[in-house]
Protein backbone atom coordinates (compact mmCIF):
# COMPACT_ATOMS: atom_id res chain seq x y z
CA MET A 1 5.60 -23.95 1.69
CA GLU A 2 6.72 -22.30 4.91
CA TYR A 3 7.58 -18.60 5.08
CA LYS A 4 11.35 -19.17 5.41
CA GLU A 5 11.30 -21.60 2.48
CA ILE A 6 9.53 -19.04 0.31
CA LEU A 7 12.19 -16.43 1.14
CA GLU A 8 14.94 -18.87 0.16
CA GLU A 9 13.24 -19.59 -3.13
CA ALA A 10 12.69 -15.90 -3.78
CA ARG A 11 16.42 -15.18 -3.46
CA LYS A 12 17.04 -17.42 -6.44
CA ASN A 13 14.75 -15.23 -8.52
CA THR A 14 15.45 -11.75 -7.19
CA ALA A 15 19.22 -11.64 -6.55
CA PRO A 16 21.26 -9.49 -6.93
CA HIS A 17 18.72 -6.67 -6.83
CA CYS A 18 16.62 -7.93 -3.89
CA MET A 19 18.12 -10.35 -1.36
CA ALA A 20 14.75 -11.37 0.13
CA CYS A 21 15.93 -10.49 3.61
CA PRO A 22 14.27 -12.21 6.64
CA VAL A 23 12.92 -8.75 7.52
CA CYS A 24 12.43 -6.33 4.65
CA ASN A 25 13.72 -3.28 6.49
CA GLY A 26 15.47 -1.37 3.67
CA LYS A 27 18.92 -1.67 5.21
CA ALA A 28 20.48 -4.07 2.71
CA CYS A 29 18.96 -2.21 -0.26
CA GLY A 30 20.05 1.33 0.59
CA ASN A 31 19.76 3.27 -2.65
CA ASN A 32 20.08 0.15 -4.82
CA VAL A 33 18.06 1.01 -7.96
CA PRO A 34 17.34 -1.01 -10.07
CA GLY A 35 16.13 -2.92 -7.08
CA PRO A 36 13.83 -2.15 -4.14
CA GLY A 37 16.13 0.54 -2.76
CA CYS A 38 15.29 4.20 -2.32
CA LYS A 39 16.52 7.61 -3.39
CA PHE A 40 19.86 8.97 -2.17
CA PRO A 41 20.99 8.81 0.57
CA GLY A 42 19.01 5.56 0.67
CA ALA A 43 17.82 5.84 4.28
CA THR A 44 14.08 6.49 4.01
CA ALA A 45 12.90 2.88 3.64
CA ALA A 46 14.94 1.92 6.70
CA ARG A 47 13.54 4.90 8.62
CA ASN A 48 10.01 3.82 7.71
CA TYR A 49 10.66 0.44 9.29
CA ASP A 50 12.62 1.68 12.31
CA LYS A 51 10.02 4.23 13.42
CA TRP A 52 7.29 1.63 13.72
CA GLN A 53 9.59 -0.30 16.10
CA GLU A 54 9.80 2.78 18.37
CA ILE A 55 6.07 2.54 19.07
CA PHE A 56 5.24 0.08 21.80
CA VAL A 57 1.97 -1.73 22.43
CA ASN A 58 0.30 -1.72 25.81
CA MET A 59 -0.47 -5.24 27.02
CA ASP A 60 -3.70 -5.59 28.96
CA THR A 61 -5.18 -9.01 29.56
CA LEU A 62 -7.47 -8.03 32.39
CA CYS A 63 -10.43 -8.00 30.06
CA GLU A 64 -13.10 -10.29 28.72
CA TYR A 65 -11.48 -13.17 26.83
CA VAL A 66 -12.00 -13.18 23.07
CA ALA A 67 -10.81 -16.32 21.33
CA ASP A 68 -10.84 -14.84 17.83
CA PRO A 69 -10.68 -11.02 17.54
CA ASP A 70 -12.73 -9.53 14.75
CA VAL A 71 -10.48 -8.02 12.11
CA SER A 72 -13.08 -7.63 9.36
CA PHE A 73 -13.01 -4.26 7.65
CA GLU A 74 -15.58 -2.37 5.57
CA LEU A 75 -14.35 -0.24 2.71
CA PHE A 76 -16.67 1.71 0.42
CA GLY A 77 -19.65 -0.46 1.27
CA ARG A 78 -17.87 -3.80 0.92
CA SER A 79 -16.62 -6.09 3.64
CA PHE A 80 -13.02 -7.38 3.59
CA SER A 81 -11.37 -9.97 5.79
CA ALA A 82 -8.75 -7.62 7.27
CA PRO A 83 -7.55 -3.99 6.97
CA ILE A 84 -4.47 -5.18 5.09
CA PHE A 85 -4.20 -4.52 1.38
CA VAL A 86 -1.49 -5.02 -1.24
CA ALA A 87 0.30 -1.87 -2.35
CA PRO A 88 0.93 -1.15 -6.07
CA LEU A 89 4.36 -1.85 -7.51
CA GLY A 90 5.69 -1.25 -11.02
CA ALA A 91 8.55 -2.29 -13.26
CA VAL A 92 8.86 -5.53 -11.31
CA ASP A 93 11.00 -7.23 -13.95
CA MET A 94 13.57 -4.45 -13.71
CA HIS A 95 13.58 -4.19 -9.90
CA TYR A 96 13.08 -7.82 -8.88
CA GLY A 97 13.79 -10.08 -11.83
CA PRO A 98 12.39 -11.56 -15.04
CA LYS A 99 10.13 -14.19 -13.42
CA TYR A 100 7.30 -11.70 -13.86
CA ASN A 101 6.50 -8.60 -15.84
CA ASP A 102 3.97 -6.07 -14.60
CA LEU A 103 1.10 -7.73 -16.47
CA SER A 104 1.69 -11.26 -15.24
CA TYR A 105 2.57 -10.01 -11.73
CA ASN A 106 -0.65 -8.02 -11.41
CA ALA A 107 -2.82 -10.85 -12.77
CA GLU A 108 -1.59 -13.44 -10.29
CA LEU A 109 -1.36 -11.02 -7.38
CA MET A 110 -4.96 -9.79 -7.84
CA ARG A 111 -6.33 -13.31 -7.76
CA ALA A 112 -4.34 -14.19 -4.66
CA ALA A 113 -5.42 -11.04 -2.81
CA VAL A 114 -9.08 -11.71 -3.53
CA ASP A 115 -8.64 -15.29 -2.39
CA CYS A 116 -7.41 -13.84 0.91
CA GLY A 117 -10.54 -11.75 1.20
CA VAL A 118 -8.92 -8.39 0.38
CA LEU A 119 -7.69 -6.77 -2.80
CA ALA A 120 -4.54 -5.48 -4.48
CA PHE A 121 -3.84 -1.99 -5.68
CA THR A 122 -2.13 -2.20 -9.11
CA GLY A 123 0.47 0.07 -10.62
CA ASP A 124 0.90 2.09 -13.80
CA GLY A 125 3.79 2.83 -16.10
CA VAL A 126 5.04 4.11 -19.42
CA ASN A 127 3.65 1.01 -21.14
CA PRO A 128 -0.12 1.65 -21.37
CA ASP A 129 -0.73 -2.10 -21.52
CA ILE A 130 0.11 -2.37 -17.82
CA MET A 131 -2.98 -0.54 -16.59
CA ARG A 132 -5.12 -1.54 -19.56
CA ASP A 133 -4.62 -5.24 -18.83
CA ALA A 134 -5.10 -4.81 -15.07
CA VAL A 135 -8.34 -2.93 -15.63
CA ARG A 136 -9.72 -5.16 -18.38
CA GLU A 137 -8.58 -8.77 -18.44
CA SER A 138 -7.12 -9.33 -14.98
CA ALA A 139 -9.83 -7.37 -13.20
CA SER A 140 -12.61 -9.30 -14.90
CA ALA A 141 -11.26 -12.47 -13.30
CA VAL A 142 -11.80 -10.98 -9.85
CA GLY A 143 -15.08 -9.17 -10.46
CA GLY A 144 -13.45 -5.76 -10.70
CA LEU A 145 -12.02 -6.00 -7.15
CA THR A 146 -8.85 -4.00 -7.56
CA ILE A 147 -7.75 -0.40 -7.25
CA PRO A 148 -5.69 0.71 -10.25
CA THR A 149 -3.29 3.45 -9.23
CA ILE A 150 -2.75 6.00 -11.97
CA LYS A 151 0.42 8.06 -12.25
CA PRO A 152 -0.10 11.87 -12.31
CA TRP A 153 0.01 12.15 -16.08
CA GLY A 154 -1.46 15.05 -17.97
CA ARG A 155 -5.24 15.49 -17.91
CA GLU A 156 -5.94 13.79 -21.26
CA VAL A 157 -4.04 10.61 -20.30
CA VAL A 158 -5.54 10.48 -16.80
CA PHE A 159 -9.08 10.82 -18.13
CA GLU A 160 -8.48 8.20 -20.79
CA LYS A 161 -7.34 5.74 -18.12
CA LEU A 162 -10.28 6.62 -15.87
CA ASP A 163 -12.68 6.06 -18.74
CA ASP A 164 -11.29 2.51 -18.95
CA VAL A 165 -11.84 2.10 -15.20
CA ILE A 166 -15.44 3.28 -15.51
CA GLU A 167 -16.22 1.11 -18.52
CA ASN A 168 -14.96 -2.00 -16.77
CA ASN A 169 -16.81 -1.29 -13.52
CA ILE A 170 -13.73 -1.33 -11.31
CA PHE A 171 -14.28 -1.09 -7.53
CA ALA A 172 -12.27 2.11 -6.96
CA ALA A 173 -9.40 4.10 -8.37
CA ALA A 174 -6.34 5.89 -7.07
CA MET A 175 -3.51 8.22 -8.04
CA ASP A 176 -0.04 8.24 -6.49
CA VAL A 177 0.57 11.98 -6.68
CA ASP A 178 4.02 11.53 -5.20
CA GLY A 179 4.83 9.71 -8.43
CA ALA A 180 5.51 13.20 -9.78
CA GLY A 181 9.05 12.65 -8.49
CA LEU A 182 9.73 9.56 -10.58
CA PRO A 183 12.41 10.16 -13.26
CA PHE A 184 10.30 8.98 -16.21
CA LEU A 185 7.45 11.27 -15.23
CA LYS A 186 9.69 14.25 -14.53
CA LYS A 187 11.13 13.92 -18.04
CA LEU A 188 7.64 14.48 -19.51
CA GLY A 189 7.41 17.88 -17.81
CA GLY A 190 4.52 20.21 -18.49
CA LYS A 191 1.17 18.55 -17.88
CA ALA A 192 2.54 15.52 -16.02
CA GLY A 193 3.37 15.92 -12.34
CA SER A 194 1.97 17.76 -9.37
CA LYS A 195 -1.77 18.47 -9.32
CA SER A 196 -3.62 21.49 -7.89
CA VAL A 197 -6.68 20.99 -5.70
CA ALA A 198 -8.86 22.12 -8.58
CA GLU A 199 -7.25 19.69 -11.03
CA MET A 200 -7.53 16.81 -8.57
CA ARG A 201 -11.16 17.64 -7.79
CA GLU A 202 -11.89 17.33 -11.51
CA ILE A 203 -10.18 13.97 -11.57
CA VAL A 204 -12.00 12.70 -8.51
CA GLU A 205 -15.35 13.79 -9.98
CA HIS A 206 -14.63 12.21 -13.35
CA ALA A 207 -13.78 8.88 -11.73
CA GLY A 208 -17.39 8.41 -10.64
CA ARG A 209 -16.40 5.97 -7.89
CA PRO A 210 -14.37 6.10 -4.68
CA PHE A 211 -11.03 7.74 -5.45
CA ILE A 212 -7.93 7.52 -3.27
CA ILE A 213 -5.00 9.95 -3.30
CA LYS A 214 -1.73 8.26 -2.46
CA GLY A 215 1.36 10.14 -1.35
CA ILE A 216 0.06 12.35 1.46
CA MET A 217 2.72 13.30 4.06
CA THR A 218 1.40 16.38 5.87
CA ALA A 219 -1.76 17.42 7.64
CA SER A 220 -2.19 20.33 5.23
CA GLY A 221 -1.85 17.93 2.30
CA ALA A 222 -4.48 15.67 3.84
CA LYS A 223 -6.86 18.61 4.26
CA LYS A 224 -6.37 19.53 0.59
CA ALA A 225 -7.09 15.93 -0.39
CA VAL A 226 -10.40 16.13 1.56
CA GLU A 227 -11.19 19.35 -0.37
CA THR A 228 -10.92 17.43 -3.65
CA GLY A 229 -13.63 14.99 -2.49
CA ALA A 230 -11.27 12.05 -2.28
CA ALA A 231 -12.81 9.06 -0.55
CA GLY A 232 -9.47 7.96 0.81
CA ILE A 233 -5.82 8.96 1.22
CA VAL A 234 -2.66 6.93 1.58
CA VAL A 235 -0.07 8.32 3.95
CA SER A 236 2.99 7.40 1.94
CA ASN A 237 6.45 8.61 0.97
CA HIS A 238 6.54 6.14 -1.95
CA GLY A 239 8.80 3.84 -0.01
CA GLY A 240 11.53 6.50 -0.14
CA ARG A 241 11.86 6.14 -3.90
CA VAL A 242 10.96 9.68 -4.95
CA GLN A 243 12.63 11.96 -2.39
CA GLY A 244 15.38 11.63 0.21
CA GLY A 245 15.39 13.35 3.59
CA VAL A 246 11.71 12.89 4.33
CA PRO A 247 10.16 11.67 7.59
CA SER A 248 8.75 8.22 7.97
CA THR A 249 5.04 7.59 7.60
CA ALA A 250 4.83 6.57 11.27
CA GLU A 251 6.08 10.03 12.24
CA VAL A 252 3.39 11.93 10.37
CA LEU A 253 0.42 9.57 10.59
CA GLY A 254 -0.83 10.78 13.95
CA GLU A 255 -1.05 14.44 12.97
CA ILE A 256 -2.67 13.56 9.71
CA ALA A 257 -5.29 11.44 11.48
CA ASP A 258 -5.94 14.26 13.91
CA ALA A 259 -6.62 16.56 10.95
CA VAL A 260 -8.88 14.39 8.78
CA LYS A 261 -10.05 11.29 10.70
CA GLY A 262 -13.66 10.56 9.80
CA LYS A 263 -13.58 12.80 6.75
CA THR A 264 -11.81 10.33 4.47
CA VAL A 265 -10.50 6.76 4.75
CA ILE A 266 -6.89 6.79 5.94
CA PHE A 267 -4.51 4.18 4.61
CA VAL A 268 -0.79 4.14 5.47
CA ASP A 269 2.16 2.29 3.99
CA GLY A 270 5.92 2.32 4.43
CA GLY A 271 7.89 -0.20 6.47
CA ILE A 272 4.89 -2.11 7.87
CA ARG A 273 6.19 -5.64 8.17
CA SER A 274 4.24 -7.48 10.82
CA GLY A 275 0.81 -7.73 12.41
CA VAL A 276 2.22 -5.78 15.35
CA ASP A 277 3.07 -2.97 12.92
CA VAL A 278 -0.49 -3.11 11.54
CA PHE A 279 -1.80 -2.74 15.11
CA ARG A 280 0.52 0.25 15.69
CA ALA A 281 -0.71 1.94 12.52
CA LEU A 282 -4.38 1.44 13.40
CA ALA A 283 -3.74 2.76 16.94
CA LEU A 284 -2.14 5.90 15.48
CA GLY A 285 -5.26 6.57 13.44
CA ALA A 286 -5.04 4.62 10.17
CA ASP A 287 -8.11 2.78 9.02
CA ALA A 288 -6.15 0.23 7.00
CA VAL A 289 -2.60 -0.42 5.73
CA LEU A 290 -0.91 -1.13 2.41
CA ILE A 291 2.12 -3.43 2.17
CA GLY A 292 4.20 -3.66 -0.99
CA ARG A 293 7.80 -4.98 -1.05
CA PRO A 294 7.16 -8.10 1.17
CA PHE A 295 4.32 -9.25 -1.07
CA ALA A 296 6.59 -8.91 -4.09
CA THR A 297 9.15 -11.15 -2.39
CA MET A 298 6.46 -13.70 -1.66
CA MET A 299 5.31 -13.62 -5.25
CA TYR A 300 8.83 -14.25 -6.51
CA GLY A 301 9.22 -17.10 -4.06
CA ALA A 302 5.93 -18.93 -4.44
CA GLY A 303 3.49 -16.90 -6.50
CA GLY A 304 -0.05 -16.67 -5.19
CA GLU A 305 0.67 -19.27 -2.52
CA GLY A 306 3.35 -16.96 -1.10
CA VAL A 307 0.90 -14.08 -0.94
CA LYS A 308 -1.48 -16.20 1.11
CA VAL A 309 1.27 -17.35 3.46
CA LEU A 310 2.31 -13.77 4.22
CA PHE A 311 -1.27 -12.55 4.55
CA ASN A 312 -2.15 -15.30 7.01
CA LYS A 313 1.02 -14.53 8.97
CA LEU A 314 0.12 -10.85 9.22
CA VAL A 315 -3.46 -11.57 10.28
CA GLY A 316 -2.30 -14.08 12.89
CA GLU A 317 0.13 -11.54 14.35
CA LEU A 318 -2.53 -8.82 14.35
CA LYS A 319 -5.03 -11.01 16.14
CA GLY A 320 -2.44 -12.14 18.67
CA THR A 321 -1.52 -8.54 19.47
CA MET A 322 -5.21 -7.61 19.80
CA THR A 323 -5.72 -10.47 22.27
CA MET A 324 -2.76 -9.35 24.38
CA CYS A 325 -3.82 -5.70 24.34
CA GLY A 326 -7.49 -6.15 25.15
CA ALA A 327 -8.96 -5.35 21.73
CA ALA A 328 -11.82 -7.54 20.66
CA SER A 329 -12.32 -5.79 17.32
CA LEU A 330 -10.67 -3.09 15.17
CA LYS A 331 -12.79 -0.35 16.78
CA ASP A 332 -11.12 -1.10 20.11
CA ILE A 333 -7.70 -0.16 18.77
CA ASP A 334 -6.87 3.43 19.61
CA ARG A 335 -3.96 5.44 21.01
CA SER A 336 -4.58 4.14 24.53
CA LYS A 337 -3.22 0.84 23.18
CA ILE A 338 0.25 2.23 22.34
CA ARG A 339 3.13 4.01 24.04
CA PHE A 340 5.74 6.21 22.34
C-alpha cells in the first residue's frame, strides 16, 4: 500500500478521535482527549511541529558526491539501520480505536520495528499485563530488542517491573518521568510521581542495563539525569499531554545538547514528522529521534506494513536532505548545516 492509501484506511479505524491527517501536526486534535490531543489549551503538540519548521537546512552540493549517505546508528553497543525509533504509546484502544489494545499493538509494532532494523519503545499502564506481555512474550519474538518505558510508580512497583526486564534479558529500559502528570498516576499520590536524583539513581543501578530517562525539558534536568547514571535521555514534553504552556522540544534541545552532549545519549521527540525534521534534530544536537503518533496511524491503517512504509519514507527523506546538505554520514550533521 502507498502512504496516502494507508492514511485513508486508518481514518476508517481511528475516527472520530484521530482523523489521520496528511500531516500529523496537532492542529486538528487540539485538546481532544480521548484521542491524540494534548492538555488544555491544546497547543503544545502543534507548537512542537511548528518549531521544527522554523529551522532551515543549509544546502551545499559543492562537495564529494555520495550516492547513498550512511545513516546507520550505534546504540549501547548495537548497530541499527537509522537513528529513528518508535516512541511508546499507551491506551491505544481508548485514544485511537478498538482495532488494537496495548498488548496486540505492542506485539505487532515491535516485530515491524525490528524488521526495519530499529526497535520500538513500549508503554506502560494501570493494567500490569501491558508491560508484562511486552517484556515476556512479545519481546521474546524479537530477541529482547525493545525498550519498555515504565511509568514513575512507587519504588516497589518500579523494581518489580525492572526485575521482569532483567529476567527476560531486555536490551534496555526507560522511565517517562513526565508521566507524573498523567491523571491516573496523580490519583495514586504518595510514592508515585516525581523522582529525586537519589531515587532515580537507585532505579538506574537496579536496572543493570542501559537506562533512559524520558521527559527532560531543561539543561538543569539533563544534568541531573546524568548524575543518576542514565545512559540516555529523551528530550520530551510527552507530546503536550501532561502540561500546557510548555516550550517545544525544538526550542530546548540545543541548550540541553550544549549541557550534556557526549555524557549521555540524547533522544528527542515531539512533532518530528519527516526526514528533514530528523536532520534538523540531529543538527541541533540529538543523537537519535523518537516518533510516536504517526506510527500509530500507520499501524491502524496497515499494521506492520504501514510501519515499514513510514520508516522507509523517513529514511529516504533523511538521506535526500543529507545529500543536498553535504553530509555523507550522521557524524557530518552539525549546527553548520542549519539556519534559525
